[in-house]
Amino acid sequence: MPASDARSVDLTRSDERVLAYLVDVGTDYPAFVASNTGLYLAYVESRLDALEAAGLVERVSGEAVYRATDAGAGALCEDCASWSD
């Protein structure tokens, strides 16, 4: 399935948290993304599916391990602080 144009995606604040976290740490499992961002696992899983469909994150293994794509990193607002700040 072709990825959507990242600029046409309206990111929620939670999406930005997930993307900023993945940009900062590299790759992680949805459970750790949820734990480290303070979001519910089921919600993170649904957002990762949506972000993957938009081409902003991608699976990096057969398991559910995700990383932000270049488009995902570029979709973050300029004033978003990195996760570790």
PDB file of N, CA and C in Angstrom:
ATOM      1  N   MET A   1       0.843  -1.172   0.000  1.00  0.00           N
ATOM      2  CA  MET A   1       0.000   0.000   0.000  1.00  0.00           C
ATOM      3  C   MET A   1       0.889   1.235   0.000  1.00  0.00           C
ATOM      4  N   PRO A   2       0.712   2.173  -0.906  1.00  0.00           N
ATOM      5  CA  PRO A   2       1.548   3.356  -0.942  1.00  0.00           C
ATOM      6  C   PRO A   2       1.281   4.266   0.236  1.00  0.00           C
ATOM      7  N   ALA A   3       2.333   4.894   0.703  1.00  0.00           N
ATOM      8  CA  ALA A   3       2.204   5.812   1.840  1.00  0.00           C
ATOM      9  C   ALA A   3       1.559   7.114   1.383  1.00  0.00           C
ATOM     10  N   SER A   4       0.834   7.743   2.280  1.00  0.00           N
ATOM     11  CA  SER A   4       0.238   9.038   1.998  1.00  0.00           C
ATOM     12  C   SER A   4       1.304  10.112   2.076  1.00  0.00           C
ATOM     13  N   ASP A   5       0.967  11.282   1.572  1.00  0.00           N
ATOM     14  CA  ASP A   5       1.860  12.421   1.681  1.00  0.00           C
ATOM     15  C   ASP A   5       1.875  12.862   3.142  1.00  0.00           C
ATOM     16  N   ALA A   6       3.051  12.822   3.768  1.00  0.00           N
ATOM     17  CA  ALA A   6       3.173  13.131   5.192  1.00  0.00           C
ATOM     18  C   ALA A   6       2.684  14.535   5.513  1.00  0.00           C
ATOM     19  N   ARG A   7       2.806  15.461   4.575  1.00  0.00           N
ATOM     20  CA  ARG A   7       2.379  16.835   4.845  1.00  0.00           C
ATOM     21  C   ARG A   7       0.872  16.947   4.944  1.00  0.00           C
ATOM     22  N   SER A   8       0.137  15.963   4.438  1.00  0.00           N
ATOM     23  CA  SER A   8      -1.319  16.031   4.476  1.00  0.00           C
ATOM     24  C   SER A   8      -1.893  15.391   5.743  1.00  0.00           C
ATOM     25  N   VAL A   9      -1.043  14.865   6.586  1.00  0.00           N
ATOM     26  CA  VAL A   9      -1.492  14.202   7.809  1.00  0.00           C
ATOM     27  C   VAL A   9      -1.604  15.226   8.931  1.00  0.00           C
ATOM     28  N   ASP A  10      -2.763  15.256   9.572  1.00  0.00           N
ATOM     29  CA  ASP A  10      -2.944  16.120  10.735  1.00  0.00           C
ATOM     30  C   ASP A  10      -2.561  15.324  11.975  1.00  0.00           C
ATOM     31  N   LEU A  11      -1.416  15.660  12.554  1.00  0.00           N
ATOM     32  CA  LEU A  11      -0.936  14.942  13.729  1.00  0.00           C
ATOM     33  C   LEU A  11      -1.608  15.448  14.988  1.00  0.00           C
ATOM     34  N   THR A  12      -1.986  14.522  15.848  1.00  0.00           N
ATOM     35  CA  THR A  12      -2.476  14.893  17.167  1.00  0.00           C
ATOM     36  C   THR A  12      -1.269  15.106  18.073  1.00  0.00           C
ATOM     37  N   ARG A  13      -1.490  15.671  19.232  1.00  0.00           N
ATOM     38  CA  ARG A  13      -0.392  15.835  20.200  1.00  0.00           C
ATOM     39  C   ARG A  13       0.149  14.459  20.592  1.00  0.00           C
ATOM     40  N   SER A  14      -0.709  13.466  20.694  1.00  0.00           N
ATOM     41  CA  SER A  14      -0.247  12.111  21.014  1.00  0.00           C
ATOM     42  C   SER A  14       0.611  11.548  19.888  1.00  0.00           C
ATOM     43  N   ASP A  15       0.217  11.803  18.638  1.00  0.00           N
ATOM     44  CA  ASP A  15       1.035  11.381  17.499  1.00  0.00           C
ATOM     45  C   ASP A  15       2.418  12.019  17.581  1.00  0.00           C
ATOM     46  N   GLU A  16       2.446  13.305  17.911  1.00  0.00           N
ATOM     47  CA  GLU A  16       3.718  14.007  18.040  1.00  0.00           C
ATOM     48  C   GLU A  16       4.567  13.402  19.158  1.00  0.00           C
ATOM     49  N   ARG A  17       3.923  13.022  20.263  1.00  0.00           N
ATOM     50  CA  ARG A  17       4.662  12.384  21.362  1.00  0.00           C
ATOM     51  C   ARG A  17       5.283  11.078  20.903  1.00  0.00           C
ATOM     52  N   VAL A  18       4.493  10.269  20.199  1.00  0.00           N
ATOM     53  CA  VAL A  18       4.976   8.975  19.709  1.00  0.00           C
ATOM     54  C   VAL A  18       6.124   9.181  18.720  1.00  0.00           C
ATOM     55  N   LEU A  19       5.935  10.084  17.767  1.00  0.00           N
ATOM     56  CA  LEU A  19       6.982  10.337  16.777  1.00  0.00           C
ATOM     57  C   LEU A  19       8.240  10.902  17.412  1.00  0.00           C
ATOM     58  N   ALA A  20       8.081  11.880  18.308  1.00  0.00           N
ATOM     59  CA  ALA A  20       9.246  12.479  18.966  1.00  0.00           C
ATOM     60  C   ALA A  20      10.006  11.424  19.766  1.00  0.00           C
ATOM     61  N   TYR A  21       9.273  10.557  20.428  1.00  0.00           N
ATOM     62  CA  TYR A  21       9.918   9.484  21.194  1.00  0.00           C
ATOM     63  C   TYR A  21      10.710   8.566  20.265  1.00  0.00           C
ATOM     64  N   LEU A  22      10.098   8.132  19.168  1.00  0.00           N
ATOM     65  CA  LEU A  22      10.782   7.231  18.241  1.00  0.00           C
ATOM     66  C   LEU A  22      11.966   7.905  17.550  1.00  0.00           C
ATOM     67  N   VAL A  23      11.839   9.178  17.229  1.00  0.00           N
ATOM     68  CA  VAL A  23      12.971   9.901  16.641  1.00  0.00           C
ATOM     69  C   VAL A  23      14.133   9.918  17.626  1.00  0.00           C
ATOM     70  N   ASP A  24      13.821  10.112  18.893  1.00  0.00           N
ATOM     71  CA  ASP A  24      14.861  10.221  19.918  1.00  0.00           C
ATOM     72  C   ASP A  24      15.521   8.883  20.239  1.00  0.00           C
ATOM     73  N   VAL A  25      14.717   7.814  20.377  1.00  0.00           N
ATOM     74  CA  VAL A  25      15.279   6.523  20.810  1.00  0.00           C
ATOM     75  C   VAL A  25      15.647   5.601  19.658  1.00  0.00           C
ATOM     76  N   GLY A  26      15.146   5.862  18.483  1.00  0.00           N
ATOM     77  CA  GLY A  26      15.442   5.000  17.337  1.00  0.00           C
ATOM     78  C   GLY A  26      14.330   4.010  17.081  1.00  0.00           C
ATOM     79  N   THR A  27      14.372   2.845  17.723  1.00  0.00           N
ATOM     80  CA  THR A  27      13.339   1.820  17.536  1.00  0.00           C
ATOM     81  C   THR A  27      12.818   1.370  18.889  1.00  0.00           C
ATOM     82  N   ASP A  28      11.570   0.909  18.890  1.00  0.00           N
ATOM     83  CA  ASP A  28      11.013   0.378  20.138  1.00  0.00           C
ATOM     84  C   ASP A  28       9.723  -0.386  19.856  1.00  0.00           C
ATOM     85  N   TYR A  29       9.364  -1.217  20.825  1.00  0.00           N
ATOM     86  CA  TYR A  29       8.113  -1.966  20.803  1.00  0.00           C
ATOM     87  C   TYR A  29       6.961  -1.050  21.232  1.00  0.00           C
ATOM     88  N   PRO A  30       5.746  -1.293  20.726  1.00  0.00           N
ATOM     89  CA  PRO A  30       4.600  -0.482  21.130  1.00  0.00           C
ATOM     90  C   PRO A  30       4.404  -0.416  22.647  1.00  0.00           C
ATOM     91  N   ALA A  31       4.626  -1.519  23.349  1.00  0.00           N
ATOM     92  CA  ALA A  31       4.443  -1.507  24.810  1.00  0.00           C
ATOM     93  C   ALA A  31       5.401  -0.531  25.483  1.00  0.00           C
ATOM     94  N   PHE A  32       6.637  -0.457  24.985  1.00  0.00           N
ATOM     95  CA  PHE A  32       7.602   0.471  25.566  1.00  0.00           C
ATOM     96  C   PHE A  32       7.301   1.906  25.143  1.00  0.00           C
ATOM     97  N   VAL A  33       6.821   2.083  23.911  1.00  0.00           N
ATOM     98  CA  VAL A  33       6.407   3.418  23.474  1.00  0.00           C
ATOM     99  C   VAL A  33       5.307   3.914  24.403  1.00  0.00           C
ATOM    100  N   ALA A  34       4.320   3.058  24.664  1.00  0.00           N
ATOM    101  CA  ALA A  34       3.211   3.431  25.540  1.00  0.00           C
ATOM    102  C   ALA A  34       3.712   3.750  26.946  1.00  0.00           C
ATOM    103  N   SER A  35       4.514   2.879  27.491  1.00  0.00           N
ATOM    104  CA  SER A  35       5.025   3.067  28.848  1.00  0.00           C
ATOM    105  C   SER A  35       5.836   4.349  28.978  1.00  0.00           C
ATOM    106  N   ASN A  36       6.654   4.618  27.999  1.00  0.00           N
ATOM    107  CA  ASN A  36       7.549   5.771  28.081  1.00  0.00           C
ATOM    108  C   ASN A  36       6.916   7.097  27.676  1.00  0.00           C
ATOM    109  N   THR A  37       5.752   7.044  27.052  1.00  0.00           N
ATOM    110  CA  THR A  37       5.058   8.279  26.686  1.00  0.00           C
ATOM    111  C   THR A  37       3.845   8.542  27.567  1.00  0.00           C
ATOM    112  N   GLY A  38       3.488   7.578  28.412  1.00  0.00           N
ATOM    113  CA  GLY A  38       2.339   7.750  29.286  1.00  0.00           C
ATOM    114  C   GLY A  38       1.003   7.550  28.590  1.00  0.00           C
ATOM    115  N   LEU A  39       1.023   6.894  27.436  1.00  0.00           N
ATOM    116  CA  LEU A  39      -0.208   6.630  26.687  1.00  0.00           C
ATOM    117  C   LEU A  39      -0.616   5.177  26.858  1.00  0.00           C
ATOM    118  N   TYR A  40      -1.899   4.891  26.663  1.00  0.00           N
ATOM    119  CA  TYR A  40      -2.391   3.523  26.756  1.00  0.00           C
ATOM    120  C   TYR A  40      -1.898   2.693  25.570  1.00  0.00           C
ATOM    121  N   LEU A  41      -1.574   1.430  25.836  1.00  0.00           N
ATOM    122  CA  LEU A  41      -1.033   0.548  24.811  1.00  0.00           C
ATOM    123  C   LEU A  41      -1.965   0.416  23.608  1.00  0.00           C
ATOM    124  N   ALA A  42      -3.239   0.170  23.839  1.00  0.00           N
ATOM    125  CA  ALA A  42      -4.175   0.006  22.722  1.00  0.00           C
ATOM    126  C   ALA A  42      -4.219   1.267  21.857  1.00  0.00           C
ATOM    127  N   TYR A  43      -4.147   2.425  22.489  1.00  0.00           N
ATOM    128  CA  TYR A  43      -4.161   3.683  21.744  1.00  0.00           C
ATOM    129  C   TYR A  43      -2.877   3.826  20.933  1.00  0.00           C
ATOM    130  N   VAL A  44      -1.724   3.527  21.542  1.00  0.00           N
ATOM    131  CA  VAL A  44      -0.446   3.601  20.827  1.00  0.00           C
ATOM    132  C   VAL A  44      -0.458   2.657  19.634  1.00  0.00           C
ATOM    133  N   GLU A  45      -0.954   1.439  19.824  1.00  0.00           N
ATOM    134  CA  GLU A  45      -1.017   0.487  18.715  1.00  0.00           C
ATOM    135  C   GLU A  45      -1.871   1.022  17.566  1.00  0.00           C
ATOM    136  N   SER A  46      -3.013   1.627  17.892  1.00  0.00           N
ATOM    137  CA  SER A  46      -3.879   2.158  16.838  1.00  0.00           C
ATOM    138  C   SER A  46      -3.225   3.344  16.144  1.00  0.00           C
ATOM    139  N   ARG A  47      -2.526   4.187  16.901  1.00  0.00           N
ATOM    140  CA  ARG A  47      -1.858   5.340  16.293  1.00  0.00           C
ATOM    141  C   ARG A  47      -0.664   4.896  15.455  1.00  0.00           C
ATOM    142  N   LEU A  48       0.073   3.874  15.904  1.00  0.00           N
ATOM    143  CA  LEU A  48       1.185   3.365  15.113  1.00  0.00           C
ATOM    144  C   LEU A  48       0.683   2.807  13.787  1.00  0.00           C
ATOM    145  N   ASP A  49      -0.466   2.132  13.810  1.00  0.00           N
ATOM    146  CA  ASP A  49      -1.065   1.638  12.564  1.00  0.00           C
ATOM    147  C   ASP A  49      -1.378   2.802  11.625  1.00  0.00           C
ATOM    148  N   ALA A  50      -1.970   3.865  12.169  1.00  0.00           N
ATOM    149  CA  ALA A  50      -2.320   5.026  11.352  1.00  0.00           C
ATOM    150  C   ALA A  50      -1.063   5.743  10.849  1.00  0.00           C
ATOM    151  N   LEU A  51      -0.068   5.881  11.722  1.00  0.00           N
ATOM    152  CA  LEU A  51       1.174   6.540  11.325  1.00  0.00           C
ATOM    153  C   LEU A  51       1.931   5.708  10.295  1.00  0.00           C
ATOM    154  N   GLU A  52       1.838   4.386  10.412  1.00  0.00           N
ATOM    155  CA  GLU A  52       2.471   3.514   9.419  1.00  0.00           C
ATOM    156  C   GLU A  52       1.774   3.659   8.064  1.00  0.00           C
ATOM    157  N   ALA A  53       0.459   3.700   8.073  1.00  0.00           N
ATOM    158  CA  ALA A  53      -0.301   3.863   6.823  1.00  0.00           C
ATOM    159  C   ALA A  53       0.028   5.192   6.150  1.00  0.00           C
ATOM    160  N   ALA A  54       0.375   6.196   6.957  1.00  0.00           N
ATOM    161  CA  ALA A  54       0.727   7.511   6.420  1.00  0.00           C
ATOM    162  C   ALA A  54       2.203   7.609   6.039  1.00  0.00           C
ATOM    163  N   GLY A  55       2.966   6.548   6.298  1.00  0.00           N
ATOM    164  CA  GLY A  55       4.379   6.549   5.947  1.00  0.00           C
ATOM    165  C   GLY A  55       5.271   7.273   6.933  1.00  0.00           C
ATOM    166  N   LEU A  56       4.761   7.516   8.148  1.00  0.00           N
ATOM    167  CA  LEU A  56       5.523   8.276   9.138  1.00  0.00           C
ATOM    168  C   LEU A  56       6.320   7.388  10.094  1.00  0.00           C
ATOM    169  N   VAL A  57       5.912   6.128  10.230  1.00  0.00           N
ATOM    170  CA  VAL A  57       6.678   5.134  10.979  1.00  0.00           C
ATOM    171  C   VAL A  57       6.707   3.864  10.146  1.00  0.00           C
ATOM    172  N   GLU A  58       7.633   2.981  10.482  1.00  0.00           N
ATOM    173  CA  GLU A  58       7.703   1.697   9.780  1.00  0.00           C
ATOM    174  C   GLU A  58       8.131   0.611  10.743  1.00  0.00           C
ATOM    175  N   ARG A  59       7.696  -0.610  10.450  1.00  0.00           N
ATOM    176  CA  ARG A  59       8.160  -1.773  11.199  1.00  0.00           C
ATOM    177  C   ARG A  59       9.575  -2.087  10.748  1.00  0.00           C
ATOM    178  N   VAL A  60      10.407  -2.478  11.695  1.00  0.00           N
ATOM    179  CA  VAL A  60      11.793  -2.775  11.340  1.00  0.00           C
ATOM    180  C   VAL A  60      12.123  -4.248  11.477  1.00  0.00           C
ATOM    181  N   SER A  61      11.136  -5.042  11.862  1.00  0.00           N
ATOM    182  CA  SER A  61      11.333  -6.488  11.942  1.00  0.00           C
ATOM    183  C   SER A  61       9.982  -7.157  11.780  1.00  0.00           C
ATOM    184  N   GLY A  62       9.989  -8.486  11.769  1.00  0.00           N
ATOM    185  CA  GLY A  62       8.746  -9.232  11.701  1.00  0.00           C
ATOM    186  C   GLY A  62       7.887  -9.021  12.935  1.00  0.00           C
ATOM    187  N   GLU A  63       8.534  -8.692  14.036  1.00  0.00           N
ATOM    188  CA  GLU A  63       7.808  -8.348  15.251  1.00  0.00           C
ATOM    189  C   GLU A  63       7.350  -6.893  15.139  1.00  0.00           C
ATOM    190  N   ALA A  64       6.568  -6.468  16.077  1.00  0.00           N
ATOM    191  CA  ALA A  64       6.091  -5.084  16.062  1.00  0.00           C
ATOM    192  C   ALA A  64       7.120  -4.171  16.717  1.00  0.00           C
ATOM    193  N   VAL A  65       8.206  -3.920  16.001  1.00  0.00           N
ATOM    194  CA  VAL A  65       9.216  -2.958  16.436  1.00  0.00           C
ATOM    195  C   VAL A  65       9.185  -1.830  15.416  1.00  0.00           C
ATOM    196  N   TYR A  66       9.003  -0.614  15.895  1.00  0.00           N
ATOM    197  CA  TYR A  66       8.806   0.526  15.003  1.00  0.00           C
ATOM    198  C   TYR A  66       9.924   1.543  15.123  1.00  0.00           C
ATOM    199  N   ARG A  67      10.085   2.314  14.033  1.00  0.00           N
ATOM    200  CA  ARG A  67      10.949   3.494  14.038  1.00  0.00           C
ATOM    201  C   ARG A  67      10.266   4.563  13.192  1.00  0.00           C
ATOM    202  N   ALA A  68      10.625   5.804  13.462  1.00  0.00           N
ATOM    203  CA  ALA A  68      10.110   6.910  12.658  1.00  0.00           C
ATOM    204  C   ALA A  68      10.839   6.921  11.324  1.00  0.00           C
ATOM    205  N   THR A  69      10.132   7.226  10.266  1.00  0.00           N
ATOM    206  CA  THR A  69      10.754   7.397   8.963  1.00  0.00           C
ATOM    207  C   THR A  69      11.280   8.831   8.864  1.00  0.00           C
ATOM    208  N   ASP A  70      12.006   9.119   7.805  1.00  0.00           N
ATOM    209  CA  ASP A  70      12.451  10.496   7.574  1.00  0.00           C
ATOM    210  C   ASP A  70      11.245  11.422   7.446  1.00  0.00           C
ATOM    211  N   ALA A  71      10.193  10.934   6.792  1.00  0.00           N
ATOM    212  CA  ALA A  71       8.971  11.731   6.656  1.00  0.00           C
ATOM    213  C   ALA A  71       8.334  11.985   8.015  1.00  0.00           C
ATOM    214  N   GLY A  72       8.389  10.980   8.898  1.00  0.00           N
ATOM    215  CA  GLY A  72       7.840  11.144  10.242  1.00  0.00           C
ATOM    216  C   GLY A  72       8.604  12.173  11.048  1.00  0.00           C
ATOM    217  N   ALA A  73       9.920  12.119  10.976  1.00  0.00           N
ATOM    218  CA  ALA A  73      10.741  13.103  11.677  1.00  0.00           C
ATOM    219  C   ALA A  73      10.474  14.493  11.119  1.00  0.00           C
ATOM    220  N   GLY A  74      10.308  14.586   9.798  1.00  0.00           N
ATOM    221  CA  GLY A  74      10.048  15.875   9.170  1.00  0.00           C
ATOM    222  C   GLY A  74       8.663  16.419   9.459  1.00  0.00           C
ATOM    223  N   ALA A  75       7.730  15.547   9.816  1.00  0.00           N
ATOM    224  CA  ALA A  75       6.358  15.978  10.082  1.00  0.00           C
ATOM    225  C   ALA A  75       6.200  16.618  11.454  1.00  0.00           C
ATOM    226  N   LEU A  76       7.180  16.420  12.331  1.00  0.00           N
ATOM    227  CA  LEU A  76       7.092  17.023  13.655  1.00  0.00           C
ATOM    228  C   LEU A  76       7.195  18.536  13.538  1.00  0.00           C
ATOM    229  N   CYS A  77       6.450  19.215  14.371  1.00  0.00           N
ATOM    230  CA  CYS A  77       6.508  20.670  14.346  1.00  0.00           C
ATOM    231  C   CYS A  77       7.895  21.136  14.800  1.00  0.00           C
ATOM    232  N   GLU A  78       8.313  22.255  14.282  1.00  0.00           N
ATOM    233  CA  GLU A  78       9.655  22.744  14.585  1.00  0.00           C
ATOM    234  C   GLU A  78       9.843  23.061  16.064  1.00  0.00           C
ATOM    235  N   ASP A  79       8.782  23.410  16.754  1.00  0.00           N
ATOM    236  CA  ASP A  79       8.924  23.769  18.164  1.00  0.00           C
ATOM    237  C   ASP A  79       8.772  22.582  19.102  1.00  0.00           C
ATOM    238  N   CYS A  80       8.614  21.362  18.559  1.00  0.00           N
ATOM    239  CA  CYS A  80       8.530  20.176  19.396  1.00  0.00           C
ATOM    240  C   CYS A  80       9.912  19.852  19.951  1.00  0.00           C
ATOM    241  N   ALA A  81      10.005  19.779  21.236  1.00  0.00           N
ATOM    242  CA  ALA A  81      11.285  19.425  21.863  1.00  0.00           C
ATOM    243  C   ALA A  81      11.549  17.952  21.660  1.00  0.00           C
ATOM    244  N   SER A  82      12.819  17.582  21.666  1.00  0.00           N
ATOM    245  CA  SER A  82      13.139  16.154  21.586  1.00  0.00           C
ATOM    246  C   SER A  82      12.645  15.481  22.856  1.00  0.00           C
ATOM    247  N   TRP A  83      12.433  14.185  22.787  1.00  0.00           N
ATOM    248  CA  TRP A  83      11.846  13.466  23.907  1.00  0.00           C
ATOM    249  C   TRP A  83      12.707  13.552  25.155  1.00  0.00           C
ATOM    250  N   SER A  84      14.025  13.578  25.014  1.00  0.00           N
ATOM    251  CA  SER A  84      14.893  13.540  26.178  1.00  0.00           C
ATOM    252  C   SER A  84      15.092  14.898  26.838  1.00  0.00           C
ATOM    253  N   ASP A  85      14.553  15.975  26.252  1.00  0.00           N
ATOM    254  CA  ASP A  85      14.722  17.305  26.861  1.00  0.00           C
ATOM    255  C   ASP A  85      13.934  17.421  28.142  1.00  0.00           C
TER     256      ASP A  85
END
